[in-house]
């Protein structure tokens, strides 16, 4: 599993998943209920895509979106610390 922390990285991940399926941007757009130009913009990591569009692309590609906390600089997780 790779960590994605930028729109550019998310766009590349979506593009890679689309290509593995052998789909064009237009085919992905149709499956996700959006437009080919929006897919292009997202894959290039530009613009400010709506969360609903990103979630639709993730679902159309059969991907899971996982949200998790990152460890602090010392490697510990916030929930490991005594909150007092």
PDB file of N, CA and C in Angstrom:
ATOM      1  N   UNK A   1       0.846  -1.168   0.000  1.00  0.00           N
ATOM      2  CA  UNK A   1       0.000   0.000   0.000  1.00  0.00           C
ATOM      3  C   UNK A   1       0.892   1.231   0.000  1.00  0.00           C
ATOM      4  N   UNK A   2       0.601   2.170  -0.890  1.00  0.00           N
ATOM      5  CA  UNK A   2       1.418   3.364  -0.925  1.00  0.00           C
ATOM      6  C   UNK A   2       0.688   4.545  -0.301  1.00  0.00           C
ATOM      7  N   UNK A   3       1.449   5.373   0.380  1.00  0.00           N
ATOM      8  CA  UNK A   3       0.878   6.563   0.996  1.00  0.00           C
ATOM      9  C   UNK A   3       0.764   7.662  -0.046  1.00  0.00           C
ATOM     10  N   UNK A   4      -0.356   8.326  -0.036  1.00  0.00           N
ATOM     11  CA  UNK A   4      -0.596   9.416  -0.970  1.00  0.00           C
ATOM     12  C   UNK A   4      -0.834  10.673  -0.151  1.00  0.00           C
ATOM     13  N   UNK A   5       0.015  11.666  -0.373  1.00  0.00           N
ATOM     14  CA  UNK A   5      -0.077  12.881   0.433  1.00  0.00           C
ATOM     15  C   UNK A   5      -0.244  14.150  -0.401  1.00  0.00           C
ATOM     16  N   UNK A   6      -0.323  14.012  -1.715  1.00  0.00           N
ATOM     17  CA  UNK A   6      -0.514  15.172  -2.584  1.00  0.00           C
ATOM     18  C   UNK A   6      -1.533  14.837  -3.670  1.00  0.00           C
ATOM     19  N   UNK A   7      -2.115  15.881  -4.263  1.00  0.00           N
ATOM     20  CA  UNK A   7      -3.031  15.659  -5.380  1.00  0.00           C
ATOM     21  C   UNK A   7      -2.313  15.024  -6.567  1.00  0.00           C
ATOM     22  N   UNK A   8      -1.053  15.392  -6.749  1.00  0.00           N
ATOM     23  CA  UNK A   8      -0.280  14.797  -7.842  1.00  0.00           C
ATOM     24  C   UNK A   8      -0.124  13.297  -7.673  1.00  0.00           C
ATOM     25  N   UNK A   9       0.186  12.871  -6.450  1.00  0.00           N
ATOM     26  CA  UNK A   9       0.343  11.437  -6.184  1.00  0.00           C
ATOM     27  C   UNK A   9      -0.986  10.708  -6.337  1.00  0.00           C
ATOM     28  N   UNK A  10      -2.075  11.341  -5.908  1.00  0.00           N
ATOM     29  CA  UNK A  10      -3.388  10.729  -6.075  1.00  0.00           C
ATOM     30  C   UNK A  10      -3.726  10.598  -7.556  1.00  0.00           C
ATOM     31  N   UNK A  11      -3.444  11.629  -8.319  1.00  0.00           N
ATOM     32  CA  UNK A  11      -3.704  11.581  -9.753  1.00  0.00           C
ATOM     33  C   UNK A  11      -2.926  10.474 -10.447  1.00  0.00           C
ATOM     34  N   UNK A  12      -1.652  10.334 -10.072  1.00  0.00           N
ATOM     35  CA  UNK A  12      -0.831   9.262 -10.669  1.00  0.00           C
ATOM     36  C   UNK A  12      -1.370   7.886 -10.287  1.00  0.00           C
ATOM     37  N   UNK A  13      -1.803   7.726  -9.045  1.00  0.00           N
ATOM     38  CA  UNK A  13      -2.346   6.440  -8.606  1.00  0.00           C
ATOM     39  C   UNK A  13      -3.623   6.094  -9.369  1.00  0.00           C
ATOM     40  N   UNK A  14      -4.480   7.082  -9.555  1.00  0.00           N
ATOM     41  CA  UNK A  14      -5.707   6.841 -10.322  1.00  0.00           C
ATOM     42  C   UNK A  14      -5.396   6.525 -11.777  1.00  0.00           C
ATOM     43  N   UNK A  15      -4.451   7.264 -12.356  1.00  0.00           N
ATOM     44  CA  UNK A  15      -4.048   7.011 -13.742  1.00  0.00           C
ATOM     45  C   UNK A  15      -3.493   5.587 -13.889  1.00  0.00           C
ATOM     46  N   UNK A  16      -2.628   5.193 -12.958  1.00  0.00           N
ATOM     47  CA  UNK A  16      -2.036   3.853 -13.022  1.00  0.00           C
ATOM     48  C   UNK A  16      -3.109   2.768 -12.927  1.00  0.00           C
ATOM     49  N   UNK A  17      -4.082   2.970 -12.018  1.00  0.00           N
ATOM     50  CA  UNK A  17      -5.168   1.996 -11.872  1.00  0.00           C
ATOM     51  C   UNK A  17      -6.019   1.942 -13.133  1.00  0.00           C
ATOM     52  N   UNK A  18      -6.273   3.099 -13.714  1.00  0.00           N
ATOM     53  CA  UNK A  18      -7.050   3.142 -14.963  1.00  0.00           C
ATOM     54  C   UNK A  18      -6.328   2.398 -16.074  1.00  0.00           C
ATOM     55  N   UNK A  19      -5.051   2.638 -16.202  1.00  0.00           N
ATOM     56  CA  UNK A  19      -4.271   1.984 -17.258  1.00  0.00           C
ATOM     57  C   UNK A  19      -4.204   0.468 -17.050  1.00  0.00           C
ATOM     58  N   UNK A  20      -4.101   0.038 -15.776  1.00  0.00           N
ATOM     59  CA  UNK A  20      -4.090  -1.412 -15.514  1.00  0.00           C
ATOM     60  C   UNK A  20      -5.391  -2.061 -15.978  1.00  0.00           C
ATOM     61  N   UNK A  21      -6.473  -1.327 -15.924  1.00  0.00           N
ATOM     62  CA  UNK A  21      -7.761  -1.840 -16.396  1.00  0.00           C
ATOM     63  C   UNK A  21      -7.889  -1.750 -17.919  1.00  0.00           C
ATOM     64  N   UNK A  22      -6.984  -1.005 -18.552  1.00  0.00           N
ATOM     65  CA  UNK A  22      -7.045  -0.838 -19.996  1.00  0.00           C
ATOM     66  C   UNK A  22      -8.100   0.156 -20.435  1.00  0.00           C
ATOM     67  N   UNK A  23      -8.493   1.047 -19.522  1.00  0.00           N
ATOM     68  CA  UNK A  23      -9.522   2.032 -19.829  1.00  0.00           C
ATOM     69  C   UNK A  23      -8.920   3.338 -20.325  1.00  0.00           C
ATOM     70  N   UNK A  24      -9.670   4.023 -21.162  1.00  0.00           N
ATOM     71  CA  UNK A  24      -9.333   5.390 -21.527  1.00  0.00           C
ATOM     72  C   UNK A  24      -9.883   6.317 -20.442  1.00  0.00           C
ATOM     73  N   UNK A  25      -9.465   7.568 -20.498  1.00  0.00           N
ATOM     74  CA  UNK A  25     -10.024   8.545 -19.569  1.00  0.00           C
ATOM     75  C   UNK A  25     -11.527   8.680 -19.774  1.00  0.00           C
ATOM     76  N   UNK A  26     -11.969   8.617 -21.008  1.00  0.00           N
ATOM     77  CA  UNK A  26     -13.399   8.733 -21.309  1.00  0.00           C
ATOM     78  C   UNK A  26     -14.182   7.562 -20.710  1.00  0.00           C
ATOM     79  N   UNK A  27     -13.617   6.365 -20.788  1.00  0.00           N
ATOM     80  CA  UNK A  27     -14.293   5.200 -20.213  1.00  0.00           C
ATOM     81  C   UNK A  27     -14.399   5.321 -18.694  1.00  0.00           C
ATOM     82  N   UNK A  28     -13.318   5.765 -18.058  1.00  0.00           N
ATOM     83  CA  UNK A  28     -13.361   5.965 -16.610  1.00  0.00           C
ATOM     84  C   UNK A  28     -14.382   7.032 -16.259  1.00  0.00           C
ATOM     85  N   UNK A  29     -14.387   8.122 -16.998  1.00  0.00           N
ATOM     86  CA  UNK A  29     -15.335   9.199 -16.734  1.00  0.00           C
ATOM     87  C   UNK A  29     -16.769   8.689 -16.804  1.00  0.00           C
ATOM     88  N   UNK A  30     -17.057   7.883 -17.810  1.00  0.00           N
ATOM     89  CA  UNK A  30     -18.407   7.346 -17.963  1.00  0.00           C
ATOM     90  C   UNK A  30     -18.762   6.462 -16.766  1.00  0.00           C
ATOM     91  N   UNK A  31     -17.848   5.603 -16.359  1.00  0.00           N
ATOM     92  CA  UNK A  31     -18.095   4.716 -15.222  1.00  0.00           C
ATOM     93  C   UNK A  31     -18.306   5.490 -13.921  1.00  0.00           C
ATOM     94  N   UNK A  32     -17.615   6.618 -13.785  1.00  0.00           N
ATOM     95  CA  UNK A  32     -17.667   7.406 -12.551  1.00  0.00           C
ATOM     96  C   UNK A  32     -18.722   8.507 -12.589  1.00  0.00           C
ATOM     97  N   UNK A  33     -19.351   8.705 -13.734  1.00  0.00           N
ATOM     98  CA  UNK A  33     -20.368   9.743 -13.843  1.00  0.00           C
ATOM     99  C   UNK A  33     -19.800  11.151 -13.862  1.00  0.00           C
ATOM    100  N   UNK A  34     -18.651  11.292 -14.501  1.00  0.00           N
ATOM    101  CA  UNK A  34     -18.034  12.605 -14.624  1.00  0.00           C
ATOM    102  C   UNK A  34     -17.620  12.810 -16.078  1.00  0.00           C
ATOM    103  N   UNK A  35     -16.738  13.756 -16.327  1.00  0.00           N
ATOM    104  CA  UNK A  35     -16.323  14.040 -17.701  1.00  0.00           C
ATOM    105  C   UNK A  35     -14.847  13.703 -17.899  1.00  0.00           C
ATOM    106  N   UNK A  36     -14.483  13.463 -19.149  1.00  0.00           N
ATOM    107  CA  UNK A  36     -13.085  13.159 -19.473  1.00  0.00           C
ATOM    108  C   UNK A  36     -12.161  14.307 -19.105  1.00  0.00           C
ATOM    109  N   UNK A  37     -12.537  15.580 -19.367  1.00  0.00           N
ATOM    110  CA  UNK A  37     -11.633  16.656 -18.965  1.00  0.00           C
ATOM    111  C   UNK A  37     -11.365  16.681 -17.452  1.00  0.00           C
ATOM    112  N   UNK A  38     -12.377  16.359 -16.645  1.00  0.00           N
ATOM    113  CA  UNK A  38     -12.149  16.312 -15.195  1.00  0.00           C
ATOM    114  C   UNK A  38     -11.166  15.199 -14.833  1.00  0.00           C
ATOM    115  N   UNK A  39     -11.307  14.047 -15.471  1.00  0.00           N
ATOM    116  CA  UNK A  39     -10.372  12.944 -15.212  1.00  0.00           C
ATOM    117  C   UNK A  39      -8.956  13.380 -15.576  1.00  0.00           C
ATOM    118  N   UNK A  40      -8.806  14.030 -16.703  1.00  0.00           N
ATOM    119  CA  UNK A  40      -7.494  14.505 -17.134  1.00  0.00           C
ATOM    120  C   UNK A  40      -6.877  15.463 -16.118  1.00  0.00           C
ATOM    121  N   UNK A  41      -7.670  16.403 -15.648  1.00  0.00           N
ATOM    122  CA  UNK A  41      -7.183  17.381 -14.670  1.00  0.00           C
ATOM    123  C   UNK A  41      -6.741  16.682 -13.389  1.00  0.00           C
ATOM    124  N   UNK A  42      -7.554  15.748 -12.912  1.00  0.00           N
ATOM    125  CA  UNK A  42      -7.227  15.027 -11.679  1.00  0.00           C
ATOM    126  C   UNK A  42      -5.980  14.189 -11.857  1.00  0.00           C
ATOM    127  N   UNK A  43      -5.867  13.492 -12.977  1.00  0.00           N
ATOM    128  CA  UNK A  43      -4.685  12.660 -13.215  1.00  0.00           C
ATOM    129  C   UNK A  43      -3.408  13.494 -13.287  1.00  0.00           C
ATOM    130  N   UNK A  44      -3.533  14.731 -13.715  1.00  0.00           N
ATOM    131  CA  UNK A  44      -2.361  15.619 -13.771  1.00  0.00           C
ATOM    132  C   UNK A  44      -2.078  16.284 -12.431  1.00  0.00           C
ATOM    133  N   UNK A  45      -2.977  16.096 -11.469  1.00  0.00           N
ATOM    134  CA  UNK A  45      -2.760  16.641 -10.141  1.00  0.00           C
ATOM    135  C   UNK A  45      -2.930  18.142 -10.047  1.00  0.00           C
ATOM    136  N   UNK A  46      -3.743  18.685 -10.914  1.00  0.00           N
ATOM    137  CA  UNK A  46      -3.974  20.135 -10.895  1.00  0.00           C
ATOM    138  C   UNK A  46      -5.436  20.412 -10.546  1.00  0.00           C
ATOM    139  N   UNK A  47      -5.733  21.663 -10.315  1.00  0.00           N
ATOM    140  CA  UNK A  47      -7.097  22.034 -10.002  1.00  0.00           C
ATOM    141  C   UNK A  47      -7.451  21.708  -8.560  1.00  0.00           C
ATOM    142  N   UNK A  48      -8.727  21.779  -8.288  1.00  0.00           N
ATOM    143  CA  UNK A  48      -9.237  21.533  -6.948  1.00  0.00           C
ATOM    144  C   UNK A  48     -10.461  20.627  -7.080  1.00  0.00           C
ATOM    145  N   UNK A  49     -10.231  19.324  -7.285  1.00  0.00           N
ATOM    146  CA  UNK A  49     -11.353  18.424  -7.544  1.00  0.00           C
ATOM    147  C   UNK A  49     -12.260  18.280  -6.325  1.00  0.00           C
ATOM    148  N   UNK A  50     -13.523  18.062  -6.580  1.00  0.00           N
ATOM    149  CA  UNK A  50     -14.481  17.819  -5.504  1.00  0.00           C
ATOM    150  C   UNK A  50     -14.254  16.427  -4.931  1.00  0.00           C
ATOM    151  N   UNK A  51     -14.455  16.314  -3.639  1.00  0.00           N
ATOM    152  CA  UNK A  51     -14.288  15.016  -2.971  1.00  0.00           C
ATOM    153  C   UNK A  51     -15.215  13.975  -3.586  1.00  0.00           C
ATOM    154  N   UNK A  52     -16.436  14.378  -3.941  1.00  0.00           N
ATOM    155  CA  UNK A  52     -17.380  13.418  -4.520  1.00  0.00           C
ATOM    156  C   UNK A  52     -16.868  12.859  -5.843  1.00  0.00           C
ATOM    157  N   UNK A  53     -16.186  13.684  -6.626  1.00  0.00           N
ATOM    158  CA  UNK A  53     -15.619  13.209  -7.890  1.00  0.00           C
ATOM    159  C   UNK A  53     -14.485  12.225  -7.624  1.00  0.00           C
ATOM    160  N   UNK A  54     -13.617  12.559  -6.678  1.00  0.00           N
ATOM    161  CA  UNK A  54     -12.517  11.648  -6.337  1.00  0.00           C
ATOM    162  C   UNK A  54     -13.055  10.311  -5.841  1.00  0.00           C
ATOM    163  N   UNK A  55     -14.064  10.356  -4.984  1.00  0.00           N
ATOM    164  CA  UNK A  55     -14.640   9.111  -4.462  1.00  0.00           C
ATOM    165  C   UNK A  55     -15.297   8.297  -5.566  1.00  0.00           C
ATOM    166  N   UNK A  56     -15.922   8.964  -6.522  1.00  0.00           N
ATOM    167  CA  UNK A  56     -16.544   8.254  -7.644  1.00  0.00           C
ATOM    168  C   UNK A  56     -15.488   7.567  -8.501  1.00  0.00           C
ATOM    169  N   UNK A  57     -14.357   8.229  -8.724  1.00  0.00           N
ATOM    170  CA  UNK A  57     -13.271   7.622  -9.498  1.00  0.00           C
ATOM    171  C   UNK A  57     -12.691   6.422  -8.761  1.00  0.00           C
ATOM    172  N   UNK A  58     -12.461   6.573  -7.469  1.00  0.00           N
ATOM    173  CA  UNK A  58     -11.934   5.475  -6.659  1.00  0.00           C
ATOM    174  C   UNK A  58     -12.869   4.269  -6.742  1.00  0.00           C
ATOM    175  N   UNK A  59     -14.171   4.510  -6.584  1.00  0.00           N
ATOM    176  CA  UNK A  59     -15.142   3.420  -6.630  1.00  0.00           C
ATOM    177  C   UNK A  59     -15.193   2.773  -8.012  1.00  0.00           C
ATOM    178  N   UNK A  60     -15.196   3.587  -9.067  1.00  0.00           N
ATOM    179  CA  UNK A  60     -15.263   3.047 -10.430  1.00  0.00           C
ATOM    180  C   UNK A  60     -14.069   2.157 -10.732  1.00  0.00           C
ATOM    181  N   UNK A  61     -12.924   2.483 -10.142  1.00  0.00           N
ATOM    182  CA  UNK A  61     -11.710   1.699 -10.386  1.00  0.00           C
ATOM    183  C   UNK A  61     -11.574   0.504  -9.446  1.00  0.00           C
ATOM    184  N   UNK A  62     -12.524   0.340  -8.548  1.00  0.00           N
ATOM    185  CA  UNK A  62     -12.479  -0.791  -7.619  1.00  0.00           C
ATOM    186  C   UNK A  62     -11.380  -0.657  -6.583  1.00  0.00           C
ATOM    187  N   UNK A  63     -11.071   0.578  -6.223  1.00  0.00           N
ATOM    188  CA  UNK A  63     -10.020   0.832  -5.241  1.00  0.00           C
ATOM    189  C   UNK A  63     -10.631   1.083  -3.873  1.00  0.00           C
ATOM    190  N   UNK A  64      -9.826   0.928  -2.830  1.00  0.00           N
ATOM    191  CA  UNK A  64     -10.213   1.299  -1.474  1.00  0.00           C
ATOM    192  C   UNK A  64      -9.511   2.581  -1.106  1.00  0.00           C
ATOM    193  N   UNK A  65     -10.216   3.453  -0.424  1.00  0.00           N
ATOM    194  CA  UNK A  65      -9.626   4.661   0.117  1.00  0.00           C
ATOM    195  C   UNK A  65      -9.500   4.440   1.619  1.00  0.00           C
ATOM    196  N   UNK A  66      -8.264   4.492   2.109  1.00  0.00           N
ATOM    197  CA  UNK A  66      -7.996   4.247   3.521  1.00  0.00           C
ATOM    198  C   UNK A  66      -7.438   5.528   4.127  1.00  0.00           C
ATOM    199  N   UNK A  67      -8.045   5.964   5.220  1.00  0.00           N
ATOM    200  CA  UNK A  67      -7.570   7.148   5.920  1.00  0.00           C
ATOM    201  C   UNK A  67      -7.008   6.679   7.254  1.00  0.00           C
ATOM    202  N   UNK A  68      -5.770   7.058   7.514  1.00  0.00           N
ATOM    203  CA  UNK A  68      -5.145   6.649   8.770  1.00  0.00           C
ATOM    204  C   UNK A  68      -4.231   7.751   9.250  1.00  0.00           C
ATOM    205  N   UNK A  69      -4.019   7.780  10.538  1.00  0.00           N
ATOM    206  CA  UNK A  69      -3.105   8.770  11.095  1.00  0.00           C
ATOM    207  C   UNK A  69      -1.673   8.368  10.799  1.00  0.00           C
ATOM    208  N   UNK A  70      -0.858   9.385  10.542  1.00  0.00           N
ATOM    209  CA  UNK A  70       0.564   9.152  10.342  1.00  0.00           C
ATOM    210  C   UNK A  70       1.256   9.204  11.692  1.00  0.00           C
ATOM    211  N   UNK A  71       2.329   8.444  11.853  1.00  0.00           N
ATOM    212  CA  UNK A  71       3.062   8.534  13.119  1.00  0.00           C
ATOM    213  C   UNK A  71       3.725   9.897  13.256  1.00  0.00           C
ATOM    214  N   UNK A  72       3.916  10.307  14.498  1.00  0.00           N
ATOM    215  CA  UNK A  72       4.659  11.538  14.768  1.00  0.00           C
ATOM    216  C   UNK A  72       6.106  11.347  14.336  1.00  0.00           C
ATOM    217  N   UNK A  73       6.873  12.409  14.365  1.00  0.00           N
ATOM    218  CA  UNK A  73       8.275  12.362  13.921  1.00  0.00           C
ATOM    219  C   UNK A  73       9.074  11.300  14.662  1.00  0.00           C
ATOM    220  N   UNK A  74       8.719  11.023  15.910  1.00  0.00           N
ATOM    221  CA  UNK A  74       9.464  10.022  16.687  1.00  0.00           C
ATOM    222  C   UNK A  74       8.980   8.599  16.442  1.00  0.00           C
ATOM    223  N   UNK A  75       8.013   8.450  15.545  1.00  0.00           N
ATOM    224  CA  UNK A  75       7.520   7.109  15.203  1.00  0.00           C
ATOM    225  C   UNK A  75       6.332   6.664  16.021  1.00  0.00           C
ATOM    226  N   UNK A  76       5.938   7.443  17.021  1.00  0.00           N
ATOM    227  CA  UNK A  76       4.786   7.073  17.831  1.00  0.00           C
ATOM    228  C   UNK A  76       3.511   7.627  17.193  1.00  0.00           C
ATOM    229  N   UNK A  77       2.405   7.026  17.546  1.00  0.00           N
ATOM    230  CA  UNK A  77       1.118   7.495  17.067  1.00  0.00           C
ATOM    231  C   UNK A  77       0.454   8.316  18.157  1.00  0.00           C
ATOM    232  N   UNK A  78      -0.346   9.312  17.790  1.00  0.00           N
ATOM    233  CA  UNK A  78      -0.979  10.166  18.786  1.00  0.00           C
ATOM    234  C   UNK A  78      -1.759   9.401  19.847  1.00  0.00           C
ATOM    235  N   UNK A  79      -2.372   8.275  19.469  1.00  0.00           N
ATOM    236  CA  UNK A  79      -3.176   7.533  20.440  1.00  0.00           C
ATOM    237  C   UNK A  79      -2.317   6.771  21.446  1.00  0.00           C
ATOM    238  N   UNK A  80      -1.005   6.699  21.204  1.00  0.00           N
ATOM    239  CA  UNK A  80      -0.100   6.052  22.153  1.00  0.00           C
ATOM    240  C   UNK A  80       0.271   6.957  23.308  1.00  0.00           C
ATOM    241  N   UNK A  81      -0.032   8.240  23.188  1.00  0.00           N
ATOM    242  CA  UNK A  81       0.392   9.197  24.197  1.00  0.00           C
ATOM    243  C   UNK A  81      -0.676   9.372  25.260  1.00  0.00           C
ATOM    244  N   UNK A  82      -0.217   9.579  26.486  1.00  0.00           N
ATOM    245  CA  UNK A  82      -1.124   9.818  27.592  1.00  0.00           C
ATOM    246  C   UNK A  82      -1.780  11.177  27.383  1.00  0.00           C
ATOM    247  N   UNK A  83      -3.074  11.185  27.280  1.00  0.00           N
ATOM    248  CA  UNK A  83      -3.806  12.431  27.019  1.00  0.00           C
ATOM    249  C   UNK A  83      -4.160  13.184  28.298  1.00  0.00           C
ATOM    250  N   UNK A  84      -3.863  12.595  29.462  1.00  0.00           N
ATOM    251  CA  UNK A  84      -4.079  13.273  30.744  1.00  0.00           C
ATOM    252  C   UNK A  84      -5.466  13.426  31.036  1.00  0.00           C
TER     253      UNK A  84
END
